Amino acid sequence: MPVGRRYTPYRKALRELKLRQLDVYRYPGHEELRLMTQDSRIVLVKLPRRRDEMTVEEFKKYVAEAVASQGR
């Protein structure tokens, strides 16, 4: 499966949260997402592990909590 299609459900989950994915920084044990909120703020979310190791629901919940804790 092409890499872009593997992550499509995660991008859709971000759109449901009204977030726009700008960048993904991939590291061996985790990923960091640079996101833009609806009010044009840039937020960096460090995931506990890679996206493909998380369910979409778990990913969505973690990102929502991380953005909220940064003053959404």
PDB file of N, CA and C in Angstrom:
ATOM      1  N   MET A   1       0.841  -1.180   0.000  1.00  0.00           N
ATOM      2  CA  MET A   1       0.000   0.000   0.000  1.00  0.00           C
ATOM      3  C   MET A   1       0.888   1.245   0.000  1.00  0.00           C
ATOM      4  N   PRO A   2       0.602   2.223  -0.856  1.00  0.00           N
ATOM      5  CA  PRO A   2       1.392   3.457  -0.863  1.00  0.00           C
ATOM      6  C   PRO A   2       1.297   4.178   0.483  1.00  0.00           C
ATOM      7  N   VAL A   3       2.373   4.850   0.845  1.00  0.00           N
ATOM      8  CA  VAL A   3       2.449   5.515   2.140  1.00  0.00           C
ATOM      9  C   VAL A   3       1.325   6.530   2.316  1.00  0.00           C
ATOM     10  N   GLY A   4       1.005   7.298   1.283  1.00  0.00           N
ATOM     11  CA  GLY A   4      -0.033   8.319   1.393  1.00  0.00           C
ATOM     12  C   GLY A   4      -1.385   7.752   1.770  1.00  0.00           C
ATOM     13  N   ARG A   5      -1.738   6.617   1.217  1.00  0.00           N
ATOM     14  CA  ARG A   5      -3.037   6.005   1.516  1.00  0.00           C
ATOM     15  C   ARG A   5      -3.093   5.408   2.914  1.00  0.00           C
ATOM     16  N   ARG A   6      -1.963   4.983   3.423  1.00  0.00           N
ATOM     17  CA  ARG A   6      -1.923   4.384   4.760  1.00  0.00           C
ATOM     18  C   ARG A   6      -2.329   5.403   5.818  1.00  0.00           C
ATOM     19  N   TYR A   7      -2.013   6.677   5.597  1.00  0.00           N
ATOM     20  CA  TYR A   7      -2.265   7.708   6.598  1.00  0.00           C
ATOM     21  C   TYR A   7      -3.519   8.531   6.321  1.00  0.00           C
ATOM     22  N   THR A   8      -4.265   8.227   5.265  1.00  0.00           N
ATOM     23  CA  THR A   8      -5.472   8.975   4.931  1.00  0.00           C
ATOM     24  C   THR A   8      -6.492   8.985   6.069  1.00  0.00           C
ATOM     25  N   PRO A   9      -6.771   7.881   6.744  1.00  0.00           N
ATOM     26  CA  PRO A   9      -7.743   7.930   7.846  1.00  0.00           C
ATOM     27  C   PRO A   9      -7.329   8.891   8.965  1.00  0.00           C
ATOM     28  N   TYR A  10      -6.018   9.028   9.183  1.00  0.00           N
ATOM     29  CA  TYR A  10      -5.529   9.926  10.226  1.00  0.00           C
ATOM     30  C   TYR A  10      -5.707  11.389   9.796  1.00  0.00           C
ATOM     31  N   ARG A  11      -5.493  11.680   8.526  1.00  0.00           N
ATOM     32  CA  ARG A  11      -5.736  13.047   8.025  1.00  0.00           C
ATOM     33  C   ARG A  11      -7.216  13.387   8.105  1.00  0.00           C
ATOM     34  N   LYS A  12      -8.081  12.424   7.802  1.00  0.00           N
ATOM     35  CA  LYS A  12      -9.527  12.643   7.908  1.00  0.00           C
ATOM     36  C   LYS A  12      -9.922  12.910   9.356  1.00  0.00           C
ATOM     37  N   ALA A  13      -9.310  12.196  10.284  1.00  0.00           N
ATOM     38  CA  ALA A  13      -9.594  12.413  11.709  1.00  0.00           C
ATOM     39  C   ALA A  13      -9.196  13.828  12.118  1.00  0.00           C
ATOM     40  N   LEU A  14      -8.082  14.319  11.595  1.00  0.00           N
ATOM     41  CA  LEU A  14      -7.665  15.690  11.902  1.00  0.00           C
ATOM     42  C   LEU A  14      -8.664  16.699  11.346  1.00  0.00           C
ATOM     43  N   ARG A  15      -9.161  16.447  10.142  1.00  0.00           N
ATOM     44  CA  ARG A  15     -10.165  17.350   9.561  1.00  0.00           C
ATOM     45  C   ARG A  15     -11.432  17.375  10.402  1.00  0.00           C
ATOM     46  N   GLU A  16     -11.827  16.230  10.946  1.00  0.00           N
ATOM     47  CA  GLU A  16     -12.998  16.174  11.823  1.00  0.00           C
ATOM     48  C   GLU A  16     -12.784  17.018  13.073  1.00  0.00           C
ATOM     49  N   LEU A  17     -11.532  17.124  13.525  1.00  0.00           N
ATOM     50  CA  LEU A  17     -11.196  17.951  14.683  1.00  0.00           C
ATOM     51  C   LEU A  17     -10.963  19.412  14.290  1.00  0.00           C
ATOM     52  N   LYS A  18     -11.165  19.722  13.014  1.00  0.00           N
ATOM     53  CA  LYS A  18     -10.963  21.069  12.464  1.00  0.00           C
ATOM     54  C   LYS A  18      -9.504  21.509  12.589  1.00  0.00           C
ATOM     55  N   LEU A  19      -8.614  20.566  12.282  1.00  0.00           N
ATOM     56  CA  LEU A  19      -7.175  20.808  12.282  1.00  0.00           C
ATOM     57  C   LEU A  19      -6.629  20.509  10.895  1.00  0.00           C
ATOM     58  N   ARG A  20      -5.546  21.184  10.555  1.00  0.00           N
ATOM     59  CA  ARG A  20      -4.891  20.950   9.267  1.00  0.00           C
ATOM     60  C   ARG A  20      -3.466  20.490   9.523  1.00  0.00           C
ATOM     61  N   GLN A  21      -3.095  19.369   8.935  1.00  0.00           N
ATOM     62  CA  GLN A  21      -1.750  18.828   9.102  1.00  0.00           C
ATOM     63  C   GLN A  21      -0.787  19.590   8.204  1.00  0.00           C
ATOM     64  N   LEU A  22       0.239  20.163   8.806  1.00  0.00           N
ATOM     65  CA  LEU A  22       1.251  20.887   8.038  1.00  0.00           C
ATOM     66  C   LEU A  22       2.469  20.010   7.772  1.00  0.00           C
ATOM     67  N   ASP A  23       2.995  19.398   8.822  1.00  0.00           N
ATOM     68  CA  ASP A  23       4.200  18.573   8.705  1.00  0.00           C
ATOM     69  C   ASP A  23       4.092  17.369   9.630  1.00  0.00           C
ATOM     70  N   VAL A  24       4.846  16.339   9.287  1.00  0.00           N
ATOM     71  CA  VAL A  24       5.000  15.169  10.159  1.00  0.00           C
ATOM     72  C   VAL A  24       6.495  14.918  10.283  1.00  0.00           C
ATOM     73  N   TYR A  25       6.955  14.865  11.519  1.00  0.00           N
ATOM     74  CA  TYR A  25       8.355  14.543  11.784  1.00  0.00           C
ATOM     75  C   TYR A  25       8.375  13.125  12.328  1.00  0.00           C
ATOM     76  N   ARG A  26       9.011  12.214  11.602  1.00  0.00           N
ATOM     77  CA  ARG A  26       9.024  10.800  11.985  1.00  0.00           C
ATOM     78  C   ARG A  26      10.352  10.456  12.645  1.00  0.00           C
ATOM     79  N   TYR A  27      10.249   9.822  13.793  1.00  0.00           N
ATOM     80  CA  TYR A  27      11.400   9.351  14.542  1.00  0.00           C
ATOM     81  C   TYR A  27      11.221   7.846  14.739  1.00  0.00           C
ATOM     82  N   PRO A  28      12.266   7.128  15.127  1.00  0.00           N
ATOM     83  CA  PRO A  28      12.128   5.676  15.268  1.00  0.00           C
ATOM     84  C   PRO A  28      11.025   5.241  16.238  1.00  0.00           C
ATOM     85  N   GLY A  29      10.822   5.961  17.327  1.00  0.00           N
ATOM     86  CA  GLY A  29       9.850   5.522  18.318  1.00  0.00           C
ATOM     87  C   GLY A  29       8.581   6.341  18.413  1.00  0.00           C
ATOM     88  N   HIS A  30       8.534   7.488  17.738  1.00  0.00           N
ATOM     89  CA  HIS A  30       7.358   8.347  17.822  1.00  0.00           C
ATOM     90  C   HIS A  30       7.289   9.275  16.613  1.00  0.00           C
ATOM     91  N   GLU A  31       6.214  10.047  16.549  1.00  0.00           N
ATOM     92  CA  GLU A  31       6.056  11.051  15.498  1.00  0.00           C
ATOM     93  C   GLU A  31       5.608  12.355  16.136  1.00  0.00           C
ATOM     94  N   GLU A  32       5.955  13.457  15.493  1.00  0.00           N
ATOM     95  CA  GLU A  32       5.501  14.764  15.926  1.00  0.00           C
ATOM     96  C   GLU A  32       4.751  15.399  14.762  1.00  0.00           C
ATOM     97  N   LEU A  33       3.580  15.947  15.058  1.00  0.00           N
ATOM     98  CA  LEU A  33       2.744  16.569  14.036  1.00  0.00           C
ATOM     99  C   LEU A  33       2.719  18.069  14.256  1.00  0.00           C
ATOM    100  N   ARG A  34       2.915  18.811  13.189  1.00  0.00           N
ATOM    101  CA  ARG A  34       2.733  20.260  13.250  1.00  0.00           C
ATOM    102  C   ARG A  34       1.376  20.528  12.617  1.00  0.00           C
ATOM    103  N   LEU A  35       0.468  21.107  13.408  1.00  0.00           N
ATOM    104  CA  LEU A  35      -0.914  21.293  12.993  1.00  0.00           C
ATOM    105  C   LEU A  35      -1.308  22.762  13.046  1.00  0.00           C
ATOM    106  N   MET A  36      -2.266  23.133  12.196  1.00  0.00           N
ATOM    107  CA  MET A  36      -2.820  24.473  12.238  1.00  0.00           C
ATOM    108  C   MET A  36      -4.261  24.365  12.729  1.00  0.00           C
ATOM    109  N   THR A  37      -4.582  25.161  13.738  1.00  0.00           N
ATOM    110  CA  THR A  37      -5.936  25.160  14.275  1.00  0.00           C
ATOM    111  C   THR A  37      -6.824  26.046  13.418  1.00  0.00           C
ATOM    112  N   GLN A  38      -8.106  26.035  13.735  1.00  0.00           N
ATOM    113  CA  GLN A  38      -9.067  26.824  12.965  1.00  0.00           C
ATOM    114  C   GLN A  38      -8.802  28.321  13.101  1.00  0.00           C
ATOM    115  N   ASP A  39      -8.225  28.738  14.224  1.00  0.00           N
ATOM    116  CA  ASP A  39      -7.916  30.156  14.423  1.00  0.00           C
ATOM    117  C   ASP A  39      -6.472  30.485  14.019  1.00  0.00           C
ATOM    118  N   SER A  40      -5.895  29.671  13.156  1.00  0.00           N
ATOM    119  CA  SER A  40      -4.570  29.875  12.533  1.00  0.00           C
ATOM    120  C   SER A  40      -3.396  29.806  13.506  1.00  0.00           C
ATOM    121  N   ARG A  41      -3.558  29.122  14.609  1.00  0.00           N
ATOM    122  CA  ARG A  41      -2.430  28.888  15.500  1.00  0.00           C
ATOM    123  C   ARG A  41      -1.711  27.614  15.066  1.00  0.00           C
ATOM    124  N   ILE A  42      -0.406  27.591  15.261  1.00  0.00           N
ATOM    125  CA  ILE A  42       0.395  26.412  14.940  1.00  0.00           C
ATOM    126  C   ILE A  42       0.673  25.666  16.244  1.00  0.00           C
ATOM    127  N   VAL A  43       0.398  24.366  16.237  1.00  0.00           N
ATOM    128  CA  VAL A  43       0.543  23.528  17.425  1.00  0.00           C
ATOM    129  C   VAL A  43       1.409  22.329  17.064  1.00  0.00           C
ATOM    130  N   LEU A  44       2.326  21.983  17.953  1.00  0.00           N
ATOM    131  CA  LEU A  44       3.163  20.802  17.762  1.00  0.00           C
ATOM    132  C   LEU A  44       2.682  19.722  18.737  1.00  0.00           C
ATOM    133  N   VAL A  45       2.295  18.580  18.197  1.00  0.00           N
ATOM    134  CA  VAL A  45       1.787  17.469  19.003  1.00  0.00           C
ATOM    135  C   VAL A  45       2.763  16.299  18.869  1.00  0.00           C
ATOM    136  N   LYS A  46       3.301  15.876  20.003  1.00  0.00           N
ATOM    137  CA  LYS A  46       4.205  14.724  20.020  1.00  0.00           C
ATOM    138  C   LYS A  46       3.388  13.487  20.378  1.00  0.00           C
ATOM    139  N   LEU A  47       3.297  12.564  19.449  1.00  0.00           N
ATOM    140  CA  LEU A  47       2.546  11.326  19.680  1.00  0.00           C
ATOM    141  C   LEU A  47       3.394  10.359  20.498  1.00  0.00           C
ATOM    142  N   PRO A  48       2.765   9.521  21.307  1.00  0.00           N
ATOM    143  CA  PRO A  48       3.536   8.576  22.126  1.00  0.00           C
ATOM    144  C   PRO A  48       4.200   7.469  21.301  1.00  0.00           C
ATOM    145  N   ARG A  49       3.651   7.210  20.116  1.00  0.00           N
ATOM    146  CA  ARG A  49       4.226   6.220  19.195  1.00  0.00           C
ATOM    147  C   ARG A  49       3.779   6.581  17.779  1.00  0.00           C
ATOM    148  N   ARG A  50       4.214   5.827  16.800  1.00  0.00           N
ATOM    149  CA  ARG A  50       3.875   6.128  15.407  1.00  0.00           C
ATOM    150  C   ARG A  50       2.377   5.987  15.165  1.00  0.00           C
ATOM    151  N   ARG A  51       1.857   6.752  14.213  1.00  0.00           N
ATOM    152  CA  ARG A  51       0.425   6.727  13.915  1.00  0.00           C
ATOM    153  C   ARG A  51      -0.056   5.354  13.500  1.00  0.00           C
ATOM    154  N   ASP A  52       0.723   4.653  12.700  1.00  0.00           N
ATOM    155  CA  ASP A  52       0.270   3.345  12.230  1.00  0.00           C
ATOM    156  C   ASP A  52       0.257   2.288  13.337  1.00  0.00           C
ATOM    157  N   GLU A  53       0.761   2.626  14.519  1.00  0.00           N
ATOM    158  CA  GLU A  53       0.686   1.742  15.676  1.00  0.00           C
ATOM    159  C   GLU A  53      -0.493   2.104  16.576  1.00  0.00           C
ATOM    160  N   MET A  54      -1.253   3.136  16.203  1.00  0.00           N
ATOM    161  CA  MET A  54      -2.407   3.602  16.977  1.00  0.00           C
ATOM    162  C   MET A  54      -3.669   3.378  16.154  1.00  0.00           C
ATOM    163  N   THR A  55      -4.788   3.149  16.827  1.00  0.00           N
ATOM    164  CA  THR A  55      -6.053   3.127  16.104  1.00  0.00           C
ATOM    165  C   THR A  55      -6.431   4.570  15.787  1.00  0.00           C
ATOM    166  N   VAL A  56      -7.306   4.758  14.825  1.00  0.00           N
ATOM    167  CA  VAL A  56      -7.725   6.107  14.447  1.00  0.00           C
ATOM    168  C   VAL A  56      -8.431   6.781  15.625  1.00  0.00           C
ATOM    169  N   GLU A  57      -9.241   6.039  16.364  1.00  0.00           N
ATOM    170  CA  GLU A  57      -9.959   6.606  17.506  1.00  0.00           C
ATOM    171  C   GLU A  57      -8.983   7.036  18.603  1.00  0.00           C
ATOM    172  N   GLU A  58      -7.986   6.203  18.867  1.00  0.00           N
ATOM    173  CA  GLU A  58      -6.970   6.527  19.871  1.00  0.00           C
ATOM    174  C   GLU A  58      -6.178   7.766  19.441  1.00  0.00           C
ATOM    175  N   PHE A  59      -5.815   7.822  18.170  1.00  0.00           N
ATOM    176  CA  PHE A  59      -5.097   8.963  17.612  1.00  0.00           C
ATOM    177  C   PHE A  59      -5.914  10.245  17.773  1.00  0.00           C
ATOM    178  N   LYS A  60      -7.178  10.171  17.402  1.00  0.00           N
ATOM    179  CA  LYS A  60      -8.054  11.337  17.456  1.00  0.00           C
ATOM    180  C   LYS A  60      -8.195  11.849  18.896  1.00  0.00           C
ATOM    181  N   LYS A  61      -8.388  10.935  19.829  1.00  0.00           N
ATOM    182  CA  LYS A  61      -8.526  11.315  21.237  1.00  0.00           C
ATOM    183  C   LYS A  61      -7.243  11.956  21.753  1.00  0.00           C
ATOM    184  N   TYR A  62      -6.096  11.367  21.433  1.00  0.00           N
ATOM    185  CA  TYR A  62      -4.814  11.888  21.914  1.00  0.00           C
ATOM    186  C   TYR A  62      -4.548  13.284  21.358  1.00  0.00           C
ATOM    187  N   VAL A  63      -4.788  13.473  20.057  1.00  0.00           N
ATOM    188  CA  VAL A  63      -4.545  14.775  19.430  1.00  0.00           C
ATOM    189  C   VAL A  63      -5.485  15.832  20.005  1.00  0.00           C
ATOM    190  N   ALA A  64      -6.756  15.488  20.187  1.00  0.00           N
ATOM    191  CA  ALA A  64      -7.715  16.449  20.742  1.00  0.00           C
ATOM    192  C   ALA A  64      -7.287  16.900  22.129  1.00  0.00           C
ATOM    193  N   GLU A  65      -6.846  15.974  22.955  1.00  0.00           N
ATOM    194  CA  GLU A  65      -6.399  16.319  24.308  1.00  0.00           C
ATOM    195  C   GLU A  65      -5.129  17.166  24.261  1.00  0.00           C
ATOM    196  N   ALA A  66      -4.203  16.834  23.384  1.00  0.00           N
ATOM    197  CA  ALA A  66      -2.951  17.574  23.290  1.00  0.00           C
ATOM    198  C   ALA A  66      -3.185  19.013  22.811  1.00  0.00           C
ATOM    199  N   VAL A  67      -4.056  19.187  21.835  1.00  0.00           N
ATOM    200  CA  VAL A  67      -4.341  20.534  21.334  1.00  0.00           C
ATOM    201  C   VAL A  67      -5.075  21.338  22.398  1.00  0.00           C
ATOM    202  N   ALA A  68      -6.013  20.709  23.109  1.00  0.00           N
ATOM    203  CA  ALA A  68      -6.763  21.398  24.158  1.00  0.00           C
ATOM    204  C   ALA A  68      -5.829  21.843  25.286  1.00  0.00           C
ATOM    205  N   SER A  69      -4.837  21.021  25.614  1.00  0.00           N
ATOM    206  CA  SER A  69      -3.921  21.368  26.696  1.00  0.00           C
ATOM    207  C   SER A  69      -2.988  22.517  26.310  1.00  0.00           C
ATOM    208  N   GLN A  70      -2.872  22.780  25.017  1.00  0.00           N
ATOM    209  CA  GLN A  70      -2.037  23.883  24.542  1.00  0.00           C
ATOM    210  C   GLN A  70      -2.841  25.165  24.340  1.00  0.00           C
ATOM    211  N   GLY A  71      -4.068  25.185  24.849  1.00  0.00           N
ATOM    212  CA  GLY A  71      -4.847  26.401  24.825  1.00  0.00           C
ATOM    213  C   GLY A  71      -5.690  26.599  23.593  1.00  0.00           C
ATOM    214  N   ARG A  72      -6.373  25.571  23.157  1.00  0.00           N
ATOM    215  CA  ARG A  72      -7.190  25.662  21.949  1.00  0.00           C
ATOM    216  C   ARG A  72      -8.327  26.606  22.114  1.00  0.00           C
TER     217      ARG A  72
END
